[in-house]
Amino acid sequence: MSETELLPILLVPDAHLRAKARPVGAGDTETVRALAPRMLATMYKAPGIGLAAPQIGSLLRLVVIDLQPDDKPSPFIMVNPEIVATSAELATREEGCLSLPNQYADVTRPAEVKVRWTNLEGSRQELTADGLLAACIQHEIDHLNGVLFVDHLSPLKRNMLLRRLAKELKAKARDGE
């Protein structure tokens, strides 16, 4: 199996998307090292800017993110990421998700976050992020906890969006796509 072989992205209502991922342990090192480049390749191909392991059916606390500043790959591979501080200031921006294709909504989250994680070499990393990167980090870490961006919406908006997605997926299946 090639390292860059693409992985299937799970769609709502797959149960993996609602499960809490477990911390990556010492015994998971090889799995994570093999999974990370495939997750990046899958994310780039989708295309997306973030992907969490539960979205490809792996319940490990692993996230890949790349906003591609200046249109150049600049990936973060975060093993066991955790948000250790958030700003009181909030920011609202439109979010979408590879597990809820073509569905978008405004989500309000802390404007700035401080995140800690381990890289693939086992070194602890820390970053304070704002803007799109802060939103993306929070979105992907939510996935590790079984939380989807629609869970930040009002029940009415969430139900409308999920019904629209179900209708689109049903139509796609009916049309043989």
C-alpha atoms as a PDB file:
ATOM      1  CA  MET A   1       0.000   0.000   0.000  1.00  0.00           C
ATOM      2  CA  SER A   2       1.453   3.327  -1.076  1.00  0.00           C
ATOM      3  CA  GLU A   3       1.936   6.040   1.552  1.00  0.00           C
ATOM      4  CA  THR A   4      -0.019   8.501  -0.554  1.00  0.00           C
ATOM      5  CA  GLU A   5      -2.924   6.174  -1.323  1.00  0.00           C
ATOM      6  CA  LEU A   6      -6.060   8.197  -0.693  1.00  0.00           C
ATOM      7  CA  LEU A   7      -8.390   7.329   2.151  1.00  0.00           C
ATOM      8  CA  PRO A   8     -12.191   7.372   2.038  1.00  0.00           C
ATOM      9  CA  ILE A   9     -13.663  10.347   3.923  1.00  0.00           C
ATOM     10  CA  LEU A  10     -16.605   9.311   6.085  1.00  0.00           C
ATOM     11  CA  LEU A  11     -19.835  11.276   5.766  1.00  0.00           C
ATOM     12  CA  VAL A  12     -22.503  12.118   8.322  1.00  0.00           C
ATOM     13  CA  PRO A  13     -24.194  10.091   9.843  1.00  0.00           C
ATOM     14  CA  ASP A  14     -21.243   7.632  10.156  1.00  0.00           C
ATOM     15  CA  ALA A  15     -20.836   6.694  13.842  1.00  0.00           C
ATOM     16  CA  HIS A  16     -17.035   7.273  13.771  1.00  0.00           C
ATOM     17  CA  LEU A  17     -17.761  10.997  13.448  1.00  0.00           C
ATOM     18  CA  ARG A  18     -19.542  10.992  16.824  1.00  0.00           C
ATOM     19  CA  ALA A  19     -16.972   8.872  18.687  1.00  0.00           C
ATOM     20  CA  LYS A  20     -14.290  10.307  20.948  1.00  0.00           C
ATOM     21  CA  ALA A  21     -10.813   9.483  19.623  1.00  0.00           C
ATOM     22  CA  ARG A  22      -8.271   7.949  21.988  1.00  0.00           C
ATOM     23  CA  PRO A  23      -4.839   9.427  22.683  1.00  0.00           C
ATOM     24  CA  VAL A  24      -2.024   8.214  20.439  1.00  0.00           C
ATOM     25  CA  GLY A  25       0.286   6.007  22.503  1.00  0.00           C
ATOM     26  CA  ALA A  26       3.795   4.629  22.032  1.00  0.00           C
ATOM     27  CA  GLY A  27       2.402   1.540  20.283  1.00  0.00           C
ATOM     28  CA  ASP A  28       0.722   3.703  17.636  1.00  0.00           C
ATOM     29  CA  THR A  29       3.885   5.363  16.293  1.00  0.00           C
ATOM     30  CA  GLU A  30       4.142   3.350  13.064  1.00  0.00           C
ATOM     31  CA  THR A  31       0.404   3.578  12.388  1.00  0.00           C
ATOM     32  CA  VAL A  32       0.442   7.356  12.804  1.00  0.00           C
ATOM     33  CA  ARG A  33       3.565   7.779  10.651  1.00  0.00           C
ATOM     34  CA  ALA A  34       1.917   5.764   7.883  1.00  0.00           C
ATOM     35  CA  LEU A  35      -1.460   7.494   8.264  1.00  0.00           C
ATOM     36  CA  ALA A  36      -0.318  11.151   8.342  1.00  0.00           C
ATOM     37  CA  PRO A  37       0.957  11.432   4.714  1.00  0.00           C
ATOM     38  CA  ARG A  38      -2.128   9.590   3.448  1.00  0.00           C
ATOM     39  CA  MET A  39      -4.371  11.931   5.430  1.00  0.00           C
ATOM     40  CA  LEU A  40      -2.560  14.940   3.931  1.00  0.00           C
ATOM     41  CA  ALA A  41      -2.880  13.540   0.400  1.00  0.00           C
ATOM     42  CA  THR A  42      -6.584  12.854   0.992  1.00  0.00           C
ATOM     43  CA  MET A  43      -7.130  16.355   2.411  1.00  0.00           C
ATOM     44  CA  TYR A  44      -5.321  18.057  -0.520  1.00  0.00           C
ATOM     45  CA  LYS A  45      -7.261  16.003  -3.082  1.00  0.00           C
ATOM     46  CA  ALA A  46     -10.692  16.682  -1.478  1.00  0.00           C
ATOM     47  CA  PRO A  47      -9.748  19.662  -1.402  1.00  0.00           C
ATOM     48  CA  GLY A  48      -9.746  20.797   2.209  1.00  0.00           C
ATOM     49  CA  ILE A  49      -7.601  22.609   4.777  1.00  0.00           C
ATOM     50  CA  GLY A  50      -7.940  20.153   7.658  1.00  0.00           C
ATOM     51  CA  LEU A  51      -8.689  16.496   8.328  1.00  0.00           C
ATOM     52  CA  ALA A  52      -9.020  14.585  11.586  1.00  0.00           C
ATOM     53  CA  ALA A  53      -8.386  10.832  11.894  1.00  0.00           C
ATOM     54  CA  PRO A  54     -12.024  10.005  12.849  1.00  0.00           C
ATOM     55  CA  GLN A  55     -13.067  11.376   9.439  1.00  0.00           C
ATOM     56  CA  ILE A  56     -11.192   8.506   7.786  1.00  0.00           C
ATOM     57  CA  GLY A  57     -12.353   5.914  10.320  1.00  0.00           C
ATOM     58  CA  SER A  58      -9.368   5.948  12.694  1.00  0.00           C
ATOM     59  CA  LEU A  59     -10.201   6.810  16.298  1.00  0.00           C
ATOM     60  CA  LEU A  60      -6.751   8.217  17.083  1.00  0.00           C
ATOM     61  CA  ARG A  61      -6.092  11.799  18.196  1.00  0.00           C
ATOM     62  CA  LEU A  62      -4.382  12.846  14.961  1.00  0.00           C
ATOM     63  CA  VAL A  63      -5.064  15.958  12.879  1.00  0.00           C
ATOM     64  CA  VAL A  64      -3.544  17.356   9.692  1.00  0.00           C
ATOM     65  CA  ILE A  65      -3.976  21.015   8.720  1.00  0.00           C
ATOM     66  CA  ASP A  66      -2.615  23.073   5.848  1.00  0.00           C
ATOM     67  CA  LEU A  67      -3.915  26.523   4.929  1.00  0.00           C
ATOM     68  CA  GLN A  68      -1.275  26.640   2.150  1.00  0.00           C
ATOM     69  CA  PRO A  69      -0.177  30.226   2.681  1.00  0.00           C
ATOM     70  CA  ASP A  70       1.193  31.665  -0.574  1.00  0.00           C
ATOM     71  CA  ASP A  71      -0.192  28.540  -2.317  1.00  0.00           C
ATOM     72  CA  LYS A  72       2.704  26.457  -0.978  1.00  0.00           C
ATOM     73  CA  PRO A  73       2.213  23.358   1.204  1.00  0.00           C
ATOM     74  CA  SER A  74       2.892  24.167   4.842  1.00  0.00           C
ATOM     75  CA  PRO A  75       1.309  21.284   6.763  1.00  0.00           C
ATOM     76  CA  PHE A  76       0.841  20.839  10.484  1.00  0.00           C
ATOM     77  CA  ILE A  77       0.657  17.222  11.634  1.00  0.00           C
ATOM     78  CA  MET A  78      -0.672  17.257  15.169  1.00  0.00           C
ATOM     79  CA  VAL A  79      -0.540  14.164  17.367  1.00  0.00           C
ATOM     80  CA  ASN A  80      -2.638  14.429  20.547  1.00  0.00           C
ATOM     81  CA  PRO A  81      -3.419  18.134  20.037  1.00  0.00           C
ATOM     82  CA  GLU A  82      -5.005  20.024  22.901  1.00  0.00           C
ATOM     83  CA  ILE A  83      -6.200  23.578  23.234  1.00  0.00           C
ATOM     84  CA  VAL A  84      -4.589  24.983  26.369  1.00  0.00           C
ATOM     85  CA  ALA A  85      -5.905  28.564  26.197  1.00  0.00           C
ATOM     86  CA  THR A  86      -8.573  30.520  24.341  1.00  0.00           C
ATOM     87  CA  SER A  87      -9.226  34.231  23.984  1.00  0.00           C
ATOM     88  CA  ALA A  88     -12.297  35.857  25.493  1.00  0.00           C
ATOM     89  CA  GLU A  89     -12.788  37.576  22.143  1.00  0.00           C
ATOM     90  CA  LEU A  90     -14.961  35.627  19.700  1.00  0.00           C
ATOM     91  CA  ALA A  91     -14.892  35.488  15.919  1.00  0.00           C
ATOM     92  CA  THR A  92     -17.539  34.261  13.489  1.00  0.00           C
ATOM     93  CA  ARG A  93     -16.601  32.758  10.153  1.00  0.00           C
ATOM     94  CA  GLU A  94     -18.144  30.432   7.613  1.00  0.00           C
ATOM     95  CA  GLU A  95     -17.186  26.796   8.100  1.00  0.00           C
ATOM     96  CA  GLY A  96     -17.643  23.695   6.021  1.00  0.00           C
ATOM     97  CA  CYS A  97     -16.508  20.109   6.506  1.00  0.00           C
ATOM     98  CA  LEU A  98     -15.332  17.306   4.247  1.00  0.00           C
ATOM     99  CA  SER A  99     -17.702  14.972   6.159  1.00  0.00           C
ATOM    100  CA  LEU A 100     -20.669  17.249   5.342  1.00  0.00           C
ATOM    101  CA  PRO A 101     -19.989  18.060   1.675  1.00  0.00           C
ATOM    102  CA  ASN A 102     -21.318  21.349   0.279  1.00  0.00           C
ATOM    103  CA  GLN A 103     -22.793  22.423   3.624  1.00  0.00           C
ATOM    104  CA  TYR A 104     -21.656  25.725   5.134  1.00  0.00           C
ATOM    105  CA  ALA A 105     -22.688  27.869   8.080  1.00  0.00           C
ATOM    106  CA  ASP A 106     -21.358  30.706  10.224  1.00  0.00           C
ATOM    107  CA  VAL A 107     -19.774  29.392  13.431  1.00  0.00           C
ATOM    108  CA  THR A 108     -18.668  31.521  16.387  1.00  0.00           C
ATOM    109  CA  ARG A 109     -15.565  30.371  18.251  1.00  0.00           C
ATOM    110  CA  PRO A 110     -12.760  31.950  20.315  1.00  0.00           C
ATOM    111  CA  ALA A 111     -10.787  34.281  18.020  1.00  0.00           C
ATOM    112  CA  GLU A 112      -7.416  33.040  19.305  1.00  0.00           C
ATOM    113  CA  VAL A 113      -6.244  29.694  20.674  1.00  0.00           C
ATOM    114  CA  LYS A 114      -3.051  28.297  22.088  1.00  0.00           C
ATOM    115  CA  VAL A 115      -2.584  24.677  21.051  1.00  0.00           C
ATOM    116  CA  ARG A 116      -0.063  22.030  22.136  1.00  0.00           C
ATOM    117  CA  TRP A 117       0.708  18.802  20.294  1.00  0.00           C
ATOM    118  CA  THR A 118       3.426  16.306  19.539  1.00  0.00           C
ATOM    119  CA  ASN A 119       4.919  16.097  16.057  1.00  0.00           C
ATOM    120  CA  LEU A 120       5.776  12.845  14.234  1.00  0.00           C
ATOM    121  CA  GLU A 121       9.278  12.912  15.710  1.00  0.00           C
ATOM    122  CA  GLY A 122       7.852  13.013  19.250  1.00  0.00           C
ATOM    123  CA  SER A 123       8.725  16.666  20.006  1.00  0.00           C
ATOM    124  CA  ARG A 124       6.239  18.828  21.900  1.00  0.00           C
ATOM    125  CA  GLN A 125       5.049  21.828  19.887  1.00  0.00           C
ATOM    126  CA  GLU A 126       3.062  24.895  20.855  1.00  0.00           C
ATOM    127  CA  LEU A 127       1.434  27.587  18.763  1.00  0.00           C
ATOM    128  CA  THR A 128      -0.826  30.567  19.314  1.00  0.00           C
ATOM    129  CA  ALA A 129      -3.139  30.969  16.335  1.00  0.00           C
ATOM    130  CA  ASP A 130      -5.816  33.392  15.234  1.00  0.00           C
ATOM    131  CA  GLY A 131      -7.974  33.894  12.162  1.00  0.00           C
ATOM    132  CA  LEU A 132      -8.610  30.967   9.857  1.00  0.00           C
ATOM    133  CA  LEU A 133      -5.913  28.815  11.481  1.00  0.00           C
ATOM    134  CA  ALA A 134      -7.511  29.205  14.934  1.00  0.00           C
ATOM    135  CA  ALA A 135     -10.924  28.235  13.536  1.00  0.00           C
ATOM    136  CA  CYS A 136      -9.456  25.264  11.664  1.00  0.00           C
ATOM    137  CA  ILE A 137      -7.589  23.972  14.742  1.00  0.00           C
ATOM    138  CA  GLN A 138     -10.755  24.190  16.853  1.00  0.00           C
ATOM    139  CA  HIS A 139     -12.818  22.526  14.118  1.00  0.00           C
ATOM    140  CA  GLU A 140     -10.391  19.590  13.776  1.00  0.00           C
ATOM    141  CA  ILE A 141      -9.955  19.105  17.541  1.00  0.00           C
ATOM    142  CA  ASP A 142     -13.757  19.088  17.806  1.00  0.00           C
ATOM    143  CA  HIS A 143     -13.705  16.077  15.443  1.00  0.00           C
ATOM    144  CA  LEU A 144     -11.436  14.252  17.907  1.00  0.00           C
ATOM    145  CA  ASN A 145     -14.153  14.727  20.515  1.00  0.00           C
ATOM    146  CA  GLY A 146     -17.044  13.605  18.308  1.00  0.00           C
ATOM    147  CA  VAL A 147     -18.237  17.182  17.730  1.00  0.00           C
ATOM    148  CA  LEU A 148     -19.208  18.526  14.305  1.00  0.00           C
ATOM    149  CA  PHE A 149     -19.375  22.190  13.286  1.00  0.00           C
ATOM    150  CA  VAL A 150     -23.161  21.868  13.015  1.00  0.00           C
ATOM    151  CA  ASP A 151     -23.258  21.212  16.769  1.00  0.00           C
ATOM    152  CA  HIS A 152     -22.326  24.897  17.243  1.00  0.00           C
ATOM    153  CA  LEU A 153     -25.484  25.985  15.387  1.00  0.00           C
ATOM    154  CA  SER A 154     -29.019  26.457  16.663  1.00  0.00           C
ATOM    155  CA  PRO A 155     -31.088  23.243  16.544  1.00  0.00           C
ATOM    156  CA  LEU A 156     -33.176  24.742  13.728  1.00  0.00           C
ATOM    157  CA  LYS A 157     -30.164  25.621  11.539  1.00  0.00           C
ATOM    158  CA  ARG A 158     -28.463  22.288  12.326  1.00  0.00           C
ATOM    159  CA  ASN A 159     -31.551  20.258  11.382  1.00  0.00           C
ATOM    160  CA  MET A 160     -32.063  22.241   8.168  1.00  0.00           C
ATOM    161  CA  LEU A 161     -28.454  21.688   7.136  1.00  0.00           C
ATOM    162  CA  LEU A 162     -28.478  17.957   8.006  1.00  0.00           C
ATOM    163  CA  ARG A 163     -31.767  17.415   6.143  1.00  0.00           C
ATOM    164  CA  ARG A 164     -30.366  19.214   3.083  1.00  0.00           C
ATOM    165  CA  LEU A 165     -27.218  17.033   3.209  1.00  0.00           C
ATOM    166  CA  ALA A 166     -29.271  13.817   3.515  1.00  0.00           C
ATOM    167  CA  LYS A 167     -31.402  14.878   0.531  1.00  0.00           C
ATOM    168  CA  GLU A 168     -28.310  15.682  -1.583  1.00  0.00           C
ATOM    169  CA  LEU A 169     -26.595  12.379  -0.683  1.00  0.00           C
ATOM    170  CA  LYS A 170     -29.785  10.432  -1.455  1.00  0.00           C
ATOM    171  CA  ALA A 171     -30.078  12.154  -4.848  1.00  0.00           C
ATOM    172  CA  LYS A 172     -26.416  11.449  -5.591  1.00  0.00           C
ATOM    173  CA  ALA A 173     -26.869   7.750  -4.708  1.00  0.00           C
ATOM    174  CA  ARG A 174     -30.024   7.574  -6.839  1.00  0.00           C
ATOM    175  CA  ASP A 175     -28.186   9.143  -9.794  1.00  0.00           C
ATOM    176  CA  GLY A 176     -25.395   6.575  -9.409  1.00  0.00           C
ATOM    177  CA  GLU A 177     -22.621   9.069  -8.579  1.00  0.00           C
END
